[in-house]
N, C-alpha and C. Protein backbone atom coordinates (compact mmCIF):
# COMPACT_ATOMS: atom_id res chain seq x y z
N MET A 1 -27.79 -95.12 28.03
CA MET A 1 -27.95 -94.45 29.30
C MET A 1 -29.44 -94.12 29.49
N PRO A 2 -30.01 -94.47 30.66
CA PRO A 2 -31.44 -94.20 30.89
C PRO A 2 -31.68 -92.70 31.01
N PRO A 3 -32.89 -92.24 30.68
CA PRO A 3 -33.20 -90.81 30.77
C PRO A 3 -33.17 -90.35 32.23
N VAL A 4 -32.77 -89.11 32.43
CA VAL A 4 -32.72 -88.51 33.77
C VAL A 4 -34.11 -87.97 34.10
N ILE A 5 -34.59 -88.32 35.27
CA ILE A 5 -35.89 -87.81 35.73
C ILE A 5 -35.60 -86.86 36.89
N ARG A 6 -35.97 -85.61 36.71
CA ARG A 6 -35.72 -84.59 37.74
C ARG A 6 -36.90 -84.53 38.71
N ALA A 7 -36.61 -84.06 39.94
CA ALA A 7 -37.65 -83.94 40.96
C ALA A 7 -38.76 -82.99 40.49
N SER A 8 -38.38 -81.91 39.80
CA SER A 8 -39.39 -80.97 39.32
C SER A 8 -40.31 -81.64 38.30
N GLU A 9 -39.77 -82.57 37.53
CA GLU A 9 -40.59 -83.28 36.55
C GLU A 9 -41.59 -84.21 37.25
N ILE A 10 -41.15 -84.84 38.32
CA ILE A 10 -42.06 -85.70 39.09
C ILE A 10 -43.16 -84.84 39.70
N GLY A 11 -42.78 -83.69 40.26
CA GLY A 11 -43.77 -82.79 40.84
C GLY A 11 -44.76 -82.31 39.80
N SER A 12 -44.26 -82.01 38.61
CA SER A 12 -45.13 -81.57 37.52
C SER A 12 -46.11 -82.68 37.12
N TYR A 13 -45.60 -83.89 37.05
CA TYR A 13 -46.44 -85.03 36.70
C TYR A 13 -47.52 -85.26 37.75
N LEU A 14 -47.13 -85.20 39.04
CA LEU A 14 -48.10 -85.42 40.10
C LEU A 14 -49.14 -84.32 40.16
N TYR A 15 -48.73 -83.10 39.84
CA TYR A 15 -49.67 -81.97 39.87
C TYR A 15 -50.68 -82.07 38.73
N CYS A 16 -50.17 -82.31 37.50
CA CYS A 16 -51.07 -82.40 36.35
C CYS A 16 -50.41 -83.26 35.27
N ARG A 17 -50.89 -84.48 35.18
CA ARG A 17 -50.30 -85.41 34.21
C ARG A 17 -50.45 -84.92 32.78
N ARG A 18 -51.54 -84.27 32.47
CA ARG A 18 -51.78 -83.78 31.11
C ARG A 18 -50.77 -82.69 30.76
N ALA A 19 -50.55 -81.74 31.69
CA ALA A 19 -49.58 -80.67 31.44
C ALA A 19 -48.18 -81.25 31.27
N TRP A 20 -47.86 -82.27 32.09
CA TRP A 20 -46.56 -82.94 31.96
C TRP A 20 -46.42 -83.57 30.58
N TRP A 21 -47.46 -84.24 30.12
CA TRP A 21 -47.43 -84.90 28.82
C TRP A 21 -47.26 -83.87 27.70
N TYR A 22 -48.01 -82.76 27.78
CA TYR A 22 -47.88 -81.70 26.77
C TYR A 22 -46.45 -81.19 26.73
N ARG A 23 -45.87 -80.96 27.89
CA ARG A 23 -44.50 -80.44 27.94
C ARG A 23 -43.53 -81.43 27.30
N LYS A 24 -43.72 -82.74 27.56
CA LYS A 24 -42.87 -83.77 26.95
C LYS A 24 -43.03 -83.79 25.42
N GLN A 25 -44.23 -83.41 24.93
CA GLN A 25 -44.48 -83.37 23.49
C GLN A 25 -43.97 -82.08 22.85
N GLY A 26 -43.51 -81.14 23.69
CA GLY A 26 -42.99 -79.88 23.17
C GLY A 26 -44.06 -78.82 22.93
N VAL A 27 -45.26 -79.03 23.45
CA VAL A 27 -46.35 -78.07 23.29
C VAL A 27 -46.15 -76.95 24.31
N GLU A 28 -46.10 -75.71 23.82
CA GLU A 28 -45.92 -74.55 24.69
C GLU A 28 -47.22 -74.23 25.43
N SER A 29 -47.09 -73.76 26.64
CA SER A 29 -48.26 -73.35 27.43
C SER A 29 -48.83 -72.08 26.82
N GLU A 30 -50.15 -71.94 26.90
CA GLU A 30 -50.81 -70.76 26.34
C GLU A 30 -50.75 -69.57 27.29
N ASN A 31 -50.40 -69.79 28.54
CA ASN A 31 -50.39 -68.69 29.51
C ASN A 31 -48.95 -68.25 29.84
N GLN A 32 -48.21 -67.92 28.81
CA GLN A 32 -46.82 -67.51 28.97
C GLN A 32 -46.68 -66.25 29.82
N ALA A 33 -47.62 -65.31 29.68
CA ALA A 33 -47.55 -64.07 30.46
C ALA A 33 -47.70 -64.37 31.95
N GLU A 34 -48.61 -65.26 32.30
CA GLU A 34 -48.81 -65.63 33.70
C GLU A 34 -47.58 -66.36 34.24
N LEU A 35 -47.02 -67.24 33.43
CA LEU A 35 -45.82 -67.96 33.86
C LEU A 35 -44.66 -66.99 34.08
N ALA A 36 -44.49 -66.04 33.19
CA ALA A 36 -43.42 -65.05 33.36
C ALA A 36 -43.67 -64.20 34.60
N GLY A 37 -44.92 -63.84 34.84
CA GLY A 37 -45.26 -63.08 36.04
C GLY A 37 -44.96 -63.86 37.31
N GLY A 38 -45.27 -65.15 37.30
CA GLY A 38 -44.97 -66.00 38.45
C GLY A 38 -43.48 -66.13 38.69
N THR A 39 -42.72 -66.24 37.61
CA THR A 39 -41.26 -66.31 37.74
C THR A 39 -40.73 -65.02 38.36
N GLU A 40 -41.25 -63.89 37.91
CA GLU A 40 -40.81 -62.60 38.46
C GLU A 40 -41.17 -62.50 39.94
N LEU A 41 -42.37 -62.95 40.31
CA LEU A 41 -42.76 -62.93 41.73
C LEU A 41 -41.84 -63.80 42.58
N HIS A 42 -41.44 -64.95 42.05
CA HIS A 42 -40.52 -65.82 42.78
C HIS A 42 -39.16 -65.15 42.94
N LEU A 43 -38.69 -64.47 41.91
CA LEU A 43 -37.41 -63.77 42.01
C LEU A 43 -37.48 -62.66 43.06
N GLN A 44 -38.56 -61.89 43.06
CA GLN A 44 -38.72 -60.83 44.05
C GLN A 44 -38.77 -61.40 45.46
N HIS A 45 -39.50 -62.49 45.63
CA HIS A 45 -39.59 -63.12 46.95
C HIS A 45 -38.21 -63.60 47.40
N GLY A 46 -37.46 -64.21 46.49
CA GLY A 46 -36.11 -64.67 46.82
C GLY A 46 -35.22 -63.54 47.28
N ARG A 47 -35.32 -62.39 46.60
CA ARG A 47 -34.53 -61.23 47.01
C ARG A 47 -34.94 -60.76 48.40
N LYS A 48 -36.24 -60.73 48.67
CA LYS A 48 -36.73 -60.30 49.99
C LYS A 48 -36.25 -61.24 51.08
N VAL A 49 -36.25 -62.53 50.82
CA VAL A 49 -35.78 -63.51 51.80
C VAL A 49 -34.29 -63.30 52.07
N MET A 50 -33.52 -63.04 51.01
CA MET A 50 -32.09 -62.81 51.17
C MET A 50 -31.83 -61.55 52.00
N VAL A 51 -32.56 -60.47 51.71
CA VAL A 51 -32.40 -59.23 52.46
C VAL A 51 -32.79 -59.44 53.92
N ALA A 52 -33.87 -60.17 54.16
CA ALA A 52 -34.30 -60.45 55.54
C ALA A 52 -33.21 -61.21 56.30
N GLY A 53 -32.59 -62.17 55.66
CA GLY A 53 -31.51 -62.93 56.28
C GLY A 53 -30.32 -62.04 56.61
N MET A 54 -29.98 -61.14 55.68
CA MET A 54 -28.87 -60.23 55.92
C MET A 54 -29.19 -59.27 57.06
N LEU A 55 -30.42 -58.76 57.11
CA LEU A 55 -30.83 -57.87 58.20
C LEU A 55 -30.81 -58.61 59.54
N GLN A 56 -31.19 -59.86 59.55
CA GLN A 56 -31.16 -60.65 60.77
C GLN A 56 -29.72 -60.81 61.25
N LEU A 57 -28.80 -61.10 60.34
CA LEU A 57 -27.39 -61.21 60.71
C LEU A 57 -26.86 -59.89 61.25
N ALA A 58 -27.24 -58.78 60.61
CA ALA A 58 -26.81 -57.46 61.08
C ALA A 58 -27.37 -57.20 62.48
N GLY A 59 -28.60 -57.59 62.73
CA GLY A 59 -29.21 -57.42 64.04
C GLY A 59 -28.46 -58.21 65.11
N TYR A 60 -28.10 -59.46 64.80
CA TYR A 60 -27.33 -60.26 65.75
C TYR A 60 -25.96 -59.63 66.02
N ALA A 61 -25.32 -59.12 64.96
CA ALA A 61 -24.02 -58.47 65.12
C ALA A 61 -24.14 -57.24 66.01
N LEU A 62 -25.17 -56.44 65.80
CA LEU A 62 -25.38 -55.25 66.64
C LEU A 62 -25.68 -55.64 68.08
N LEU A 63 -26.42 -56.69 68.29
CA LEU A 63 -26.71 -57.18 69.63
C LEU A 63 -25.43 -57.63 70.33
N LEU A 64 -24.57 -58.30 69.60
CA LEU A 64 -23.28 -58.73 70.14
C LEU A 64 -22.41 -57.54 70.51
N VAL A 65 -22.37 -56.53 69.65
CA VAL A 65 -21.60 -55.32 69.93
C VAL A 65 -22.16 -54.62 71.16
N ALA A 66 -23.48 -54.50 71.27
CA ALA A 66 -24.10 -53.86 72.42
C ALA A 66 -23.76 -54.62 73.70
N GLY A 67 -23.81 -55.94 73.65
CA GLY A 67 -23.45 -56.75 74.82
C GLY A 67 -22.01 -56.54 75.23
N ALA A 68 -21.12 -56.48 74.26
CA ALA A 68 -19.71 -56.25 74.55
C ALA A 68 -19.50 -54.86 75.16
N LEU A 69 -20.19 -53.86 74.65
CA LEU A 69 -20.06 -52.51 75.21
C LEU A 69 -20.59 -52.44 76.64
N ILE A 70 -21.71 -53.10 76.90
CA ILE A 70 -22.26 -53.13 78.25
C ILE A 70 -21.30 -53.85 79.19
N ALA A 71 -20.77 -54.98 78.74
CA ALA A 71 -19.83 -55.73 79.58
C ALA A 71 -18.57 -54.92 79.86
N SER A 72 -18.06 -54.22 78.88
CA SER A 72 -16.85 -53.41 79.10
C SER A 72 -17.16 -52.23 80.03
N GLU A 73 -18.33 -51.64 79.92
CA GLU A 73 -18.69 -50.54 80.81
C GLU A 73 -18.86 -51.03 82.24
N LEU A 74 -19.48 -52.20 82.43
CA LEU A 74 -19.62 -52.78 83.76
C LEU A 74 -18.26 -53.09 84.36
N ALA A 75 -17.38 -53.66 83.56
CA ALA A 75 -16.03 -53.97 84.04
C ALA A 75 -15.29 -52.70 84.43
N ARG A 76 -15.43 -51.63 83.63
CA ARG A 76 -14.78 -50.38 83.94
C ARG A 76 -15.32 -49.78 85.24
N MET A 77 -16.63 -49.88 85.46
CA MET A 77 -17.25 -49.35 86.68
C MET A 77 -16.81 -50.15 87.92
N LEU A 78 -16.65 -51.46 87.79
CA LEU A 78 -16.24 -52.30 88.91
C LEU A 78 -14.78 -52.10 89.27
N LEU A 79 -13.98 -51.73 88.29
CA LEU A 79 -12.54 -51.57 88.54
C LEU A 79 -12.17 -50.19 89.05
N ARG A 80 -13.10 -49.32 89.22
CA ARG A 80 -12.83 -47.96 89.74
C ARG A 80 -12.37 -48.00 91.14
């Protein structure tokens, strides 16, 4: 079975062939603290994006409720 080549591996190779080669040889990066910090920043950003999406959905829901209330009030006023 041929080896699996992942998209992230291609991106890593295109970004820095030497770093890709080191990783294939099993050599650990010397900047582990920076890598861990970057991972944490990505996780925080992902959470913020998720919260923003949820807030946007809540905003649309509230807008829909407000529209329905306005429409029902207009209908009630017209039927008097």
